[in-house]
Amino acid sequence: RAGPGQPLAGRALPVCASAGAEEPGMEAEAQGLPPGCGGEEGSPAAGGSPGGEQRREPPQASVSNGGEAESGQELVELRVIWNKTKYDVKFRLDSTGAELKREIHALTGLCGAAAPPAAARAFPGRSGNPRPCPSGLPPAMQKVMFKGLLPEEKTLREIKVTNGAKIMVVGSTINDVLAVNTPKEAAQQEVKAEENKKEPLCRQKQHRKVLDKGKPDDVMPSVKGVQERLPTVPLSGMYNKSGGKVRLTFKLEQDQLWIGTKERTEKLPMGSIKNVVSEPIEGHEDYHMMAFQLGPTEASYYWVYWVPTQYVDAIKDTVLGKWQYF
């Protein structure tokens, strides 16, 4: 053991400024103090635990105010509203609209199990580990709006999304669509099965007497396997159920169908026609027999024979107004 006033052998003692030292140039700065003199992490003077172990506070999820960066990426606070449900989330400001749609899919279908990395990055600070569910809203079925329809190729920064922005989402989940369409599809299949059981229309007596006359001399040419728009001229060269010549004129500007015969012309509002049915003529599948339902029952069918097959779909869409849904 060293004597009084002598240093310990083999060790150099740190020289620390005392609390009351006032010598010039001897200010105690954290970076200039030797280890164990305070200002060093792990030392008693710095509040560290004895033995050099450092106490660390767990990281806190920060809320972006538009100027902060988390993991080097700037975040923006959004309120996503879908189906009367509001989601307050944070999202990367430099992400595109397409990426936002993918995260909305995860957000609207949270199941509580392991989250994919994308969802965890998009919503830092959400509790639990969300993952997309089948009940979520797929991107292809989303209409996302922020000051109009959200462009998929642009970033949120480019379209000037700011903190607190409201993102409106419209769309139905796959489960919702299936729930609506399944009964309808089942009903259609049942109707189709019933029709298949019935004798083909062209074999029924009331139609055979017209079809047995053969094609009209002025029948319009047909193109099998092709669908065409309605021509600008009337469809002619066809028979009605009496075997008389008939022509169809589609007055789109007046929303009317004109059915003309030698005796007269019937001008029918397209909205008054309840249905349009057709069937290929056996042995002449490039032509159809077609009926326009003018009343509540099949008894009101107005039959037209030898309709060129390439115009069948166009006639149905024009009369029934299916074009309005596209």
Protein backbone atom coordinates (compact mmCIF):
# COMPACT_ATOMS: atom_id res chain seq x y z
CA ARG A 1 0.00 0.00 0.00
CA ALA A 2 1.38 3.44 -0.90
CA GLY A 3 2.13 5.86 1.85
CA PRO A 4 0.24 9.01 2.52
CA GLY A 5 0.52 11.52 -0.31
CA GLN A 6 1.91 8.91 -2.73
CA PRO A 7 -0.01 7.73 -5.81
CA LEU A 8 -1.18 4.15 -6.15
CA ALA A 9 1.30 2.06 -8.02
CA GLY A 10 0.39 1.34 -11.67
CA ARG A 11 -2.70 3.64 -11.79
CA ALA A 12 -3.15 7.23 -12.74
CA LEU A 13 -5.82 9.03 -10.79
CA PRO A 14 -8.09 11.37 -12.78
CA VAL A 15 -7.76 15.00 -11.92
CA CYS A 16 -11.23 16.49 -11.51
CA ALA A 17 -12.19 20.07 -10.92
CA SER A 18 -13.82 20.50 -7.53
CA ALA A 19 -17.26 21.95 -7.22
CA GLY A 20 -15.83 25.17 -5.89
CA ALA A 21 -12.82 25.47 -8.19
CA GLU A 22 -12.53 28.89 -9.71
CA GLU A 23 -9.14 28.66 -11.37
CA PRO A 24 -9.03 30.40 -14.74
CA GLY A 25 -9.40 28.10 -17.75
CA MET A 26 -10.46 25.18 -15.62
CA GLU A 27 -14.17 25.13 -16.50
CA ALA A 28 -15.50 21.60 -16.25
CA GLU A 29 -17.04 20.67 -19.62
CA ALA A 30 -18.62 17.32 -20.23
CA GLN A 31 -16.38 16.50 -23.15
CA GLY A 32 -13.22 17.53 -21.32
CA LEU A 33 -13.65 15.58 -18.10
CA PRO A 34 -11.84 12.33 -17.54
CA PRO A 35 -13.93 9.19 -16.97
CA GLY A 36 -15.57 9.05 -13.57
CA CYS A 37 -15.65 12.82 -13.12
CA GLY A 38 -19.24 13.46 -14.16
CA GLY A 39 -20.49 14.25 -17.65
CA GLU A 40 -19.79 10.67 -18.85
CA GLU A 41 -22.67 8.25 -19.37
CA GLY A 42 -22.56 5.46 -16.84
CA SER A 43 -20.84 7.49 -14.14
CA PRO A 44 -22.57 8.24 -10.84
CA ALA A 45 -22.18 11.93 -11.48
CA ALA A 46 -24.02 11.68 -14.77
CA GLY A 47 -26.89 9.77 -13.25
CA GLY A 48 -25.82 6.42 -14.71
CA SER A 49 -26.03 3.21 -12.76
CA PRO A 50 -22.99 1.95 -10.90
CA GLY A 51 -20.98 -0.64 -12.79
CA GLY A 52 -21.16 1.27 -16.11
CA GLU A 53 -24.59 0.02 -17.16
CA GLN A 54 -26.54 2.69 -18.99
CA ARG A 55 -30.27 3.15 -18.37
CA ARG A 56 -32.14 3.78 -21.61
CA GLU A 57 -35.67 5.03 -21.96
CA PRO A 58 -37.81 3.07 -24.42
CA PRO A 59 -38.30 4.87 -27.78
CA GLN A 60 -41.53 6.83 -28.10
CA ALA A 61 -43.61 7.01 -31.28
CA SER A 62 -43.49 10.61 -32.37
CA VAL A 63 -46.37 12.44 -34.01
CA SER A 64 -45.31 14.17 -37.18
CA ASN A 65 -46.19 17.85 -37.54
CA GLY A 66 -45.13 18.00 -41.13
CA GLY A 67 -41.54 18.95 -40.40
CA GLU A 68 -40.35 15.99 -38.41
CA ALA A 69 -38.83 12.89 -39.91
CA GLU A 70 -39.15 9.39 -38.64
CA SER A 71 -36.56 6.94 -39.95
CA GLY A 72 -35.57 9.62 -42.41
CA GLN A 73 -39.11 9.90 -43.84
CA GLU A 74 -41.46 12.78 -43.27
CA LEU A 75 -44.90 11.78 -42.01
CA VAL A 76 -48.26 13.47 -42.29
CA GLU A 77 -51.34 12.92 -40.14
CA LEU A 78 -54.44 11.86 -42.07
CA ARG A 79 -58.05 11.13 -41.24
CA VAL A 80 -59.28 8.34 -43.53
CA ILE A 81 -63.09 8.09 -43.70
CA TRP A 82 -64.73 4.98 -45.15
CA ASN A 83 -68.16 3.50 -44.60
CA LYS A 84 -68.94 5.96 -41.75
CA THR A 85 -65.75 4.88 -39.95
CA LYS A 86 -62.89 7.30 -39.23
CA TYR A 87 -59.24 6.23 -39.01
CA ASP A 88 -56.63 8.67 -37.67
CA VAL A 89 -53.27 7.53 -39.04
CA LYS A 90 -49.82 8.76 -40.02
CA PHE A 91 -48.46 8.13 -43.48
CA ARG A 92 -45.30 8.87 -45.47
CA LEU A 93 -45.61 12.19 -47.26
CA ASP A 94 -43.51 11.00 -50.21
CA SER A 95 -45.62 7.90 -50.87
CA THR A 96 -47.84 7.70 -53.94
CA GLY A 97 -51.60 7.42 -54.14
CA ALA A 98 -51.23 3.77 -55.20
CA GLU A 99 -49.24 3.03 -52.03
CA LEU A 100 -51.86 4.78 -49.92
CA LYS A 101 -54.53 2.55 -51.46
CA ARG A 102 -52.59 -0.55 -50.48
CA GLU A 103 -52.35 0.66 -46.91
CA ILE A 104 -56.05 1.53 -46.83
CA HIS A 105 -56.63 -2.12 -47.74
CA ALA A 106 -54.68 -3.12 -44.64
CA LEU A 107 -56.33 -0.44 -42.50
CA THR A 108 -59.91 -1.37 -43.40
CA GLY A 109 -59.36 -5.07 -42.77
CA LEU A 110 -57.40 -5.23 -39.50
CA CYS A 111 -57.59 -8.67 -37.93
CA GLY A 112 -55.14 -8.24 -35.07
CA ALA A 113 -52.48 -10.76 -36.13
CA ALA A 114 -49.00 -10.14 -37.55
CA ALA A 115 -48.77 -7.02 -39.69
CA PRO A 116 -46.89 -6.90 -42.99
CA PRO A 117 -43.89 -4.53 -42.94
CA ALA A 118 -45.68 -2.05 -45.20
CA ALA A 119 -48.58 -1.65 -42.80
CA ALA A 120 -46.25 -1.20 -39.83
CA ARG A 121 -44.33 1.54 -41.64
CA ALA A 122 -47.46 3.29 -42.82
CA PHE A 123 -49.08 3.46 -39.43
CA PRO A 124 -46.31 3.80 -36.81
CA GLY A 125 -47.88 4.27 -33.43
CA ARG A 126 -50.92 2.05 -34.04
CA SER A 127 -51.38 -0.38 -31.19
CA GLY A 128 -51.21 -4.09 -31.85
CA ASN A 129 -50.02 -5.78 -35.01
CA PRO A 130 -52.63 -5.31 -37.73
CA ARG A 131 -52.73 -7.39 -40.87
CA PRO A 132 -54.96 -7.25 -43.94
CA CYS A 133 -58.13 -9.34 -43.76
CA PRO A 134 -60.31 -10.68 -46.55
CA SER A 135 -62.89 -8.16 -45.36
CA GLY A 136 -60.60 -5.24 -46.25
CA LEU A 137 -61.22 -2.90 -49.18
CA PRO A 138 -58.98 -3.94 -52.13
CA PRO A 139 -57.20 -1.13 -54.03
CA ALA A 140 -58.99 -1.98 -57.27
CA MET A 141 -62.34 -1.38 -55.58
CA GLN A 142 -61.40 1.91 -53.93
CA LYS A 143 -62.31 5.42 -55.00
CA VAL A 144 -60.04 7.67 -52.92
CA MET A 145 -60.78 11.39 -52.90
CA PHE A 146 -58.80 14.41 -51.76
CA LYS A 147 -59.82 17.59 -53.56
CA GLY A 148 -61.10 15.32 -56.31
CA LEU A 149 -60.04 11.82 -57.29
CA LEU A 150 -56.65 10.96 -55.79
CA PRO A 151 -54.07 10.35 -58.57
CA GLU A 152 -52.25 7.04 -58.06
CA GLU A 153 -48.98 8.10 -59.66
CA LYS A 154 -48.42 11.31 -57.66
CA THR A 155 -47.10 11.60 -54.11
CA LEU A 156 -49.03 13.09 -51.23
CA ARG A 157 -46.52 15.94 -51.16
CA GLU A 158 -47.14 16.73 -54.83
CA ILE A 159 -50.89 17.03 -54.34
CA LYS A 160 -50.28 19.20 -51.25
CA VAL A 161 -51.66 16.91 -48.54
CA THR A 162 -51.15 18.54 -45.13
CA ASN A 163 -51.59 17.49 -41.53
CA GLY A 164 -55.20 16.83 -40.58
CA ALA A 165 -56.28 16.26 -44.20
CA LYS A 166 -59.46 14.24 -44.69
CA ILE A 167 -59.21 11.35 -47.16
CA MET A 168 -62.62 10.10 -48.31
CA VAL A 169 -62.82 6.47 -49.46
CA VAL A 170 -65.73 4.94 -51.34
CA GLY A 171 -66.01 1.27 -52.24
CA SER A 172 -67.34 -2.15 -51.30
CA THR A 173 -65.39 -5.10 -49.98
CA ILE A 174 -65.31 -8.39 -51.85
CA ASN A 175 -67.53 -9.93 -49.19
CA ASP A 176 -70.12 -7.17 -49.67
CA VAL A 177 -70.11 -7.63 -53.44
CA LEU A 178 -70.47 -11.38 -53.15
CA ALA A 179 -73.32 -11.00 -50.68
CA VAL A 180 -75.22 -8.83 -53.17
CA ASN A 181 -74.39 -10.70 -56.38
CA THR A 182 -74.66 -14.30 -55.22
CA PRO A 183 -78.49 -14.36 -54.94
CA LYS A 184 -78.79 -12.54 -58.25
CA GLU A 185 -76.39 -14.91 -60.01
CA ALA A 186 -78.13 -17.92 -58.50
CA ALA A 187 -81.48 -16.65 -59.76
CA GLN A 188 -80.05 -16.08 -63.23
CA GLN A 189 -78.63 -19.58 -63.30
CA GLU A 190 -81.99 -21.03 -62.30
CA VAL A 191 -83.72 -19.10 -65.07
CA LYS A 192 -81.09 -20.25 -67.53
CA ALA A 193 -81.53 -23.87 -66.45
CA GLU A 194 -85.29 -23.58 -66.94
CA GLU A 195 -84.79 -22.12 -70.39
CA ASN A 196 -82.49 -24.99 -71.32
CA LYS A 197 -85.21 -27.46 -70.36
CA LYS A 198 -87.71 -25.76 -72.66
CA GLU A 199 -88.06 -26.57 -76.31
CA PRO A 200 -86.04 -24.13 -78.46
CA LEU A 201 -88.20 -21.23 -79.59
CA CYS A 202 -87.44 -21.81 -83.24
CA ARG A 203 -89.10 -25.27 -83.01
CA GLN A 204 -92.33 -23.95 -81.58
CA LYS A 205 -95.27 -23.95 -83.98
CA GLN A 206 -95.96 -20.21 -83.86
CA HIS A 207 -92.40 -19.46 -84.96
CA ARG A 208 -91.97 -22.33 -87.41
CA LYS A 209 -94.64 -20.98 -89.73
CA VAL A 210 -92.57 -17.80 -90.15
CA LEU A 211 -89.14 -19.43 -90.26
CA ASP A 212 -90.24 -22.03 -92.80
CA LYS A 213 -90.64 -19.22 -95.31
CA GLY A 214 -86.84 -18.98 -95.32
CA LYS A 215 -84.70 -15.87 -95.37
CA PRO A 216 -86.21 -12.67 -96.78
CA ASP A 217 -84.81 -11.75 -100.19
CA ASP A 218 -83.46 -8.46 -98.85
CA VAL A 219 -82.09 -9.84 -95.54
CA MET A 220 -79.06 -7.93 -94.26
CA PRO A 221 -75.72 -9.78 -94.34
CA SER A 222 -74.56 -11.33 -91.07
CA VAL A 223 -71.09 -11.66 -89.53
CA LYS A 224 -70.81 -14.55 -87.10
CA GLY A 225 -68.54 -14.23 -84.05
CA VAL A 226 -68.39 -10.42 -84.25
CA GLN A 227 -70.25 -7.73 -82.29
CA GLU A 228 -70.83 -4.42 -84.03
CA ARG A 229 -72.42 -1.08 -83.25
CA LEU A 230 -75.81 -0.32 -84.68
CA PRO A 231 -75.57 0.97 -88.24
CA THR A 232 -76.61 4.52 -89.06
CA VAL A 233 -79.37 3.18 -91.32
CA PRO A 234 -82.47 1.21 -90.21
CA LEU A 235 -82.21 -2.55 -89.82
CA SER A 236 -84.37 -4.02 -92.59
CA GLY A 237 -85.00 -7.28 -94.43
CA MET A 238 -86.70 -8.99 -91.46
CA TYR A 239 -90.10 -10.59 -90.81
CA ASN A 240 -92.61 -10.04 -87.99
CA LYS A 241 -94.83 -12.79 -86.53
CA SER A 242 -97.37 -12.30 -89.34
CA GLY A 243 -94.69 -12.93 -91.96
CA GLY A 244 -94.74 -9.34 -93.10
CA LYS A 245 -91.63 -7.26 -93.76
CA VAL A 246 -90.43 -5.13 -90.82
CA ARG A 247 -87.65 -2.66 -90.20
CA LEU A 248 -86.17 -1.26 -86.96
CA THR A 249 -85.08 2.36 -86.68
CA PHE A 250 -83.28 3.53 -83.53
CA LYS A 251 -83.94 7.23 -82.92
CA LEU A 252 -81.35 7.83 -80.21
CA GLU A 253 -81.87 11.59 -80.10
CA GLN A 254 -85.54 10.98 -79.27
CA ASP A 255 -84.88 7.82 -77.20
CA GLN A 256 -87.36 5.92 -79.36
CA LEU A 257 -87.52 2.66 -81.30
CA TRP A 258 -89.54 2.85 -84.52
CA ILE A 259 -90.98 -0.47 -85.72
CA GLY A 260 -92.04 0.02 -89.31
CA THR A 261 -94.19 -2.19 -91.52
CA LYS A 262 -95.85 -1.64 -94.88
CA GLU A 263 -99.01 -0.49 -93.14
CA ARG A 264 -97.70 1.75 -90.33
CA THR A 265 -94.84 2.75 -88.05
CA GLU A 266 -95.02 2.28 -84.27
CA LYS A 267 -92.96 4.84 -82.33
CA LEU A 268 -92.09 3.31 -78.94
CA PRO A 269 -90.22 5.10 -76.11
CA MET A 270 -87.31 2.86 -75.22
CA GLY A 271 -88.19 3.21 -71.55
CA SER A 272 -91.53 1.49 -72.20
CA ILE A 273 -89.86 -1.70 -73.47
CA LYS A 274 -89.61 -4.07 -70.50
CA ASN A 275 -87.19 -6.61 -71.93
CA VAL A 276 -85.46 -7.87 -75.07
CA VAL A 277 -84.92 -11.60 -75.63
CA SER A 278 -83.30 -13.43 -78.52
CA GLU A 279 -82.29 -16.89 -79.68
CA PRO A 280 -80.18 -18.11 -82.61
CA ILE A 281 -82.19 -19.68 -85.42
CA GLU A 282 -81.43 -23.38 -85.58
CA GLY A 283 -79.45 -24.17 -88.72
CA HIS A 284 -78.82 -20.44 -89.29
CA GLU A 285 -76.96 -19.46 -86.12
CA ASP A 286 -75.67 -16.27 -87.74
CA TYR A 287 -79.22 -14.91 -87.48
CA HIS A 288 -81.50 -14.51 -84.43
CA MET A 289 -85.18 -14.30 -83.70
CA MET A 290 -85.78 -11.44 -81.26
CA ALA A 291 -88.71 -10.22 -79.16
CA PHE A 292 -89.41 -6.82 -77.59
CA GLN A 293 -91.60 -7.06 -74.47
CA LEU A 294 -94.08 -4.19 -74.65
CA GLY A 295 -96.20 -5.12 -71.62
CA PRO A 296 -96.00 -6.94 -68.29
CA THR A 297 -96.21 -10.51 -69.68
CA GLU A 298 -94.76 -12.63 -72.49
CA ALA A 299 -98.03 -12.25 -74.33
CA SER A 300 -96.93 -8.73 -75.23
CA TYR A 301 -93.80 -9.90 -77.11
CA TYR A 302 -93.31 -8.33 -80.54
CA TRP A 303 -91.30 -10.87 -82.54
CA VAL A 304 -88.80 -10.04 -85.26
CA TYR A 305 -87.06 -12.75 -87.31
CA TRP A 306 -83.72 -12.88 -89.14
CA VAL A 307 -81.85 -10.29 -87.10
CA PRO A 308 -78.12 -10.35 -88.02
CA THR A 309 -76.18 -11.77 -85.08
CA GLN A 310 -73.56 -8.99 -85.01
CA TYR A 311 -76.22 -6.45 -83.97
CA VAL A 312 -77.99 -8.47 -81.25
CA ASP A 313 -75.97 -7.18 -78.28
CA ALA A 314 -76.03 -3.60 -79.56
CA ILE A 315 -79.84 -3.71 -79.85
CA LYS A 316 -80.24 -5.01 -76.29
CA ASP A 317 -77.83 -2.47 -74.83
CA THR A 318 -79.44 0.42 -76.69
CA VAL A 319 -83.03 -0.46 -75.80
CA LEU A 320 -82.44 -1.51 -72.20
CA GLY A 321 -80.09 1.38 -71.49
CA LYS A 322 -77.13 -0.68 -70.20
CA TRP A 323 -74.77 1.89 -71.66
CA GLN A 324 -75.79 4.27 -68.86
CA TYR A 325 -73.84 2.23 -66.28
CA PHE A 326 -70.48 2.55 -68.00
